[in-house]
Amino acid sequence: MKKTIKKNLKIHIRTGDRVKILAGKHRNEQGTVVKVFPKAYRAIVEGMNIVLRHVKPSPERPTGVIQKQPSPIHISNLMLIDPISGGATRVGRKHNASGKLQRYAKKTGNFIQNV
C-alpha cells in the first residue's frame, strides 16, 4: 500500500460505520469498518476480503505458518448503510442546527451520528 493519491480527498467512510460492499467476491455483503487508510483510500471491513499470508519459519515457529488476515478494500467499492433506514445510501456533508459540518444520508436526509 505504498501508492498514494491526491491530497485532501474527503472520505465518506469512517471507522465503526456499517457498509455494503459494491464489488468483488463479497459483493452485496455488509460489514463493519475496522480501520481506514485515508492516504491509500482504502478500508478494512471486518470478516471481508480475507487473504492467506505465509510466515517464514522462526525459532518460535520452526515449521512456519499460514495466517488468515483481512486485506483493505478500495473506498469506492464501499457504500454506507444508513443507521436509521437500514438501506445503502450516498453520503453528503451539511451544517447541522449548531452550525457544525456533519455527514448526512442523501437518500433520507438524516444526519449520521459519529461512532
C-alpha atoms as a PDB file:
ATOM      1  CA  MET A   1       0.000   0.000   0.000  1.00  0.00           C
ATOM      2  CA  LYS A   2       2.688   2.474  -0.916  1.00  0.00           C
ATOM      3  CA  LYS A   3       0.606   4.168  -3.594  1.00  0.00           C
ATOM      4  CA  THR A   4      -0.861   7.470  -2.589  1.00  0.00           C
ATOM      5  CA  ILE A   5      -3.448   9.580  -4.311  1.00  0.00           C
ATOM      6  CA  LYS A   6      -4.330  13.246  -4.408  1.00  0.00           C
ATOM      7  CA  LYS A   7      -4.111  15.175  -1.183  1.00  0.00           C
ATOM      8  CA  ASN A   8      -7.249  16.476   0.580  1.00  0.00           C
ATOM      9  CA  LEU A   9      -9.715  13.853  -0.704  1.00  0.00           C
ATOM     10  CA  LYS A  10     -12.758  13.588   1.537  1.00  0.00           C
ATOM     11  CA  ILE A  11     -13.533  10.072   2.699  1.00  0.00           C
ATOM     12  CA  HIS A  12     -17.194   9.281   3.296  1.00  0.00           C
ATOM     13  CA  ILE A  13     -16.442   6.152   5.389  1.00  0.00           C
ATOM     14  CA  ARG A  14     -15.219   6.171   8.998  1.00  0.00           C
ATOM     15  CA  THR A  15     -14.140   3.501  11.476  1.00  0.00           C
ATOM     16  CA  GLY A  16     -17.163   1.801  13.020  1.00  0.00           C
ATOM     17  CA  ASP A  17     -19.501   2.502  10.078  1.00  0.00           C
ATOM     18  CA  ARG A  18     -21.671  -0.287   8.689  1.00  0.00           C
ATOM     19  CA  VAL A  19     -21.014  -0.599   4.941  1.00  0.00           C
ATOM     20  CA  LYS A  20     -22.204  -2.560   1.914  1.00  0.00           C
ATOM     21  CA  ILE A  21     -19.565  -3.916  -0.462  1.00  0.00           C
ATOM     22  CA  LEU A  22     -20.305  -2.999  -4.088  1.00  0.00           C
ATOM     23  CA  ALA A  23     -17.717  -5.045  -5.995  1.00  0.00           C
ATOM     24  CA  GLY A  24     -15.531  -8.115  -5.667  1.00  0.00           C
ATOM     25  CA  LYS A  25     -16.129 -11.582  -4.298  1.00  0.00           C
ATOM     26  CA  HIS A  26     -18.006 -10.184  -1.271  1.00  0.00           C
ATOM     27  CA  ARG A  27     -20.425  -8.115  -3.390  1.00  0.00           C
ATOM     28  CA  ASN A  28     -23.748  -7.222  -1.695  1.00  0.00           C
ATOM     29  CA  GLU A  29     -22.468  -8.289   1.740  1.00  0.00           C
ATOM     30  CA  GLN A  30     -22.416  -5.995   4.775  1.00  0.00           C
ATOM     31  CA  GLY A  31     -19.761  -5.480   7.407  1.00  0.00           C
ATOM     32  CA  THR A  32     -18.276  -3.029   9.880  1.00  0.00           C
ATOM     33  CA  VAL A  33     -15.245  -0.887   9.049  1.00  0.00           C
ATOM     34  CA  VAL A  34     -12.341  -1.788  11.332  1.00  0.00           C
ATOM     35  CA  LYS A  35      -9.695   0.605  10.031  1.00  0.00           C
ATOM     36  CA  VAL A  36      -9.424   3.317   7.376  1.00  0.00           C
ATOM     37  CA  PHE A  37      -6.278   4.227   5.428  1.00  0.00           C
ATOM     38  CA  PRO A  38      -7.001   7.764   4.114  1.00  0.00           C
ATOM     39  CA  LYS A  39      -3.798   8.202   2.090  1.00  0.00           C
ATOM     40  CA  ALA A  40      -4.257   4.888   0.278  1.00  0.00           C
ATOM     41  CA  TYR A  41      -8.053   5.500   0.009  1.00  0.00           C
ATOM     42  CA  ARG A  42      -8.767   2.021   1.398  1.00  0.00           C
ATOM     43  CA  ALA A  43     -10.513   0.465   4.390  1.00  0.00           C
ATOM     44  CA  ILE A  44     -10.532  -2.899   6.168  1.00  0.00           C
ATOM     45  CA  VAL A  45     -14.009  -4.391   6.639  1.00  0.00           C
ATOM     46  CA  GLU A  46     -14.485  -6.981   9.383  1.00  0.00           C
ATOM     47  CA  GLY A  47     -14.626 -10.535   8.017  1.00  0.00           C
ATOM     48  CA  MET A  48     -14.322  -9.499   4.359  1.00  0.00           C
ATOM     49  CA  ASN A  49     -11.523  -9.873   1.786  1.00  0.00           C
ATOM     50  CA  ILE A  50      -9.574 -12.431   3.847  1.00  0.00           C
ATOM     51  CA  VAL A  51      -6.208 -13.405   2.349  1.00  0.00           C
ATOM     52  CA  LEU A  52      -3.630 -16.042   3.301  1.00  0.00           C
ATOM     53  CA  ARG A  53      -0.252 -14.821   4.497  1.00  0.00           C
ATOM     54  CA  HIS A  54       2.715 -17.193   4.633  1.00  0.00           C
ATOM     55  CA  VAL A  55       5.019 -16.553   7.598  1.00  0.00           C
ATOM     56  CA  LYS A  56       8.594 -17.809   7.371  1.00  0.00           C
ATOM     57  CA  PRO A  57       9.917 -20.301   9.934  1.00  0.00           C
ATOM     58  CA  SER A  58      11.425 -18.770  13.062  1.00  0.00           C
ATOM     59  CA  PRO A  59      12.754 -20.067  16.397  1.00  0.00           C
ATOM     60  CA  GLU A  60       9.239 -19.683  17.879  1.00  0.00           C
ATOM     61  CA  ARG A  61       7.587 -21.442  14.887  1.00  0.00           C
ATOM     62  CA  PRO A  62      10.104 -23.873  13.329  1.00  0.00           C
ATOM     63  CA  THR A  63       7.664 -25.042  10.633  1.00  0.00           C
ATOM     64  CA  GLY A  64       6.306 -21.624   9.692  1.00  0.00           C
ATOM     65  CA  VAL A  65       2.597 -20.892   9.492  1.00  0.00           C
ATOM     66  CA  ILE A  66      -0.125 -19.723   7.119  1.00  0.00           C
ATOM     67  CA  GLN A  67      -2.205 -16.911   8.646  1.00  0.00           C
ATOM     68  CA  LYS A  68      -5.575 -15.576   7.542  1.00  0.00           C
ATOM     69  CA  GLN A  69      -5.844 -11.798   7.684  1.00  0.00           C
ATOM     70  CA  PRO A  70      -8.178  -9.156   6.226  1.00  0.00           C
ATOM     71  CA  SER A  71      -6.972  -7.104   3.280  1.00  0.00           C
ATOM     72  CA  PRO A  72      -8.010  -3.486   2.573  1.00  0.00           C
ATOM     73  CA  ILE A  73     -10.805  -2.708   0.097  1.00  0.00           C
ATOM     74  CA  HIS A  74     -10.869   0.445  -2.031  1.00  0.00           C
ATOM     75  CA  ILE A  75     -13.231   3.095  -0.614  1.00  0.00           C
ATOM     76  CA  SER A  76     -15.032   3.428  -3.962  1.00  0.00           C
ATOM     77  CA  ASN A  77     -16.255  -0.162  -3.543  1.00  0.00           C
ATOM     78  CA  LEU A  78     -17.958   0.616  -0.210  1.00  0.00           C
ATOM     79  CA  MET A  79     -21.311   2.284   0.417  1.00  0.00           C
ATOM     80  CA  LEU A  80     -22.543   3.440   3.805  1.00  0.00           C
ATOM     81  CA  ILE A  81     -25.601   1.779   5.370  1.00  0.00           C
ATOM     82  CA  ASP A  82     -27.994   4.382   6.819  1.00  0.00           C
ATOM     83  CA  PRO A  83     -28.360   3.507  10.541  1.00  0.00           C
ATOM     84  CA  ILE A  84     -31.995   4.691  10.631  1.00  0.00           C
ATOM     85  CA  SER A  85     -33.468   3.257   7.412  1.00  0.00           C
ATOM     86  CA  GLY A  86     -31.063   0.313   7.056  1.00  0.00           C
ATOM     87  CA  GLY A  87     -30.514   0.882   3.332  1.00  0.00           C
ATOM     88  CA  ALA A  88     -27.380   1.754   1.403  1.00  0.00           C
ATOM     89  CA  THR A  89     -27.053   5.466   0.726  1.00  0.00           C
ATOM     90  CA  ARG A  90     -24.680   8.051  -0.626  1.00  0.00           C
ATOM     91  CA  VAL A  91     -23.159  10.469   1.884  1.00  0.00           C
ATOM     92  CA  GLY A  92     -23.100  14.250   1.854  1.00  0.00           C
ATOM     93  CA  ARG A  93     -21.971  16.955   4.252  1.00  0.00           C
ATOM     94  CA  LYS A  94     -24.041  19.863   5.524  1.00  0.00           C
ATOM     95  CA  HIS A  95     -24.265  22.053   8.609  1.00  0.00           C
ATOM     96  CA  ASN A  96     -26.462  20.837  11.458  1.00  0.00           C
ATOM     97  CA  ALA A  97     -28.504  23.032  13.827  1.00  0.00           C
ATOM     98  CA  SER A  98     -25.445  24.006  15.864  1.00  0.00           C
ATOM     99  CA  GLY A  99     -23.519  25.012  12.722  1.00  0.00           C
ATOM    100  CA  LYS A 100     -21.129  22.059  12.708  1.00  0.00           C
ATOM    101  CA  LEU A 101     -20.419  20.281   9.412  1.00  0.00           C
ATOM    102  CA  GLN A 102     -21.800  16.763   9.671  1.00  0.00           C
ATOM    103  CA  ARG A 103     -22.363  13.754   7.395  1.00  0.00           C
ATOM    104  CA  TYR A 104     -25.906  13.005   6.234  1.00  0.00           C
ATOM    105  CA  ALA A 105     -27.610  10.275   4.205  1.00  0.00           C
ATOM    106  CA  LYS A 106     -28.627  11.639   0.817  1.00  0.00           C
ATOM    107  CA  LYS A 107     -31.440   9.092   0.434  1.00  0.00           C
ATOM    108  CA  THR A 108     -33.313  10.056   3.628  1.00  0.00           C
ATOM    109  CA  GLY A 109     -31.693  13.353   4.634  1.00  0.00           C
ATOM    110  CA  ASN A 110     -30.978  12.069   8.156  1.00  0.00           C
ATOM    111  CA  PHE A 111     -27.746  13.078   9.886  1.00  0.00           C
ATOM    112  CA  ILE A 112     -25.321  10.224  10.537  1.00  0.00           C
ATOM    113  CA  GLN A 113     -24.220  10.115  14.153  1.00  0.00           C
ATOM    114  CA  ASN A 114     -20.481   9.755  14.715  1.00  0.00           C
ATOM    115  CA  VAL A 115     -19.489   6.477  16.328  1.00  0.00           C
END
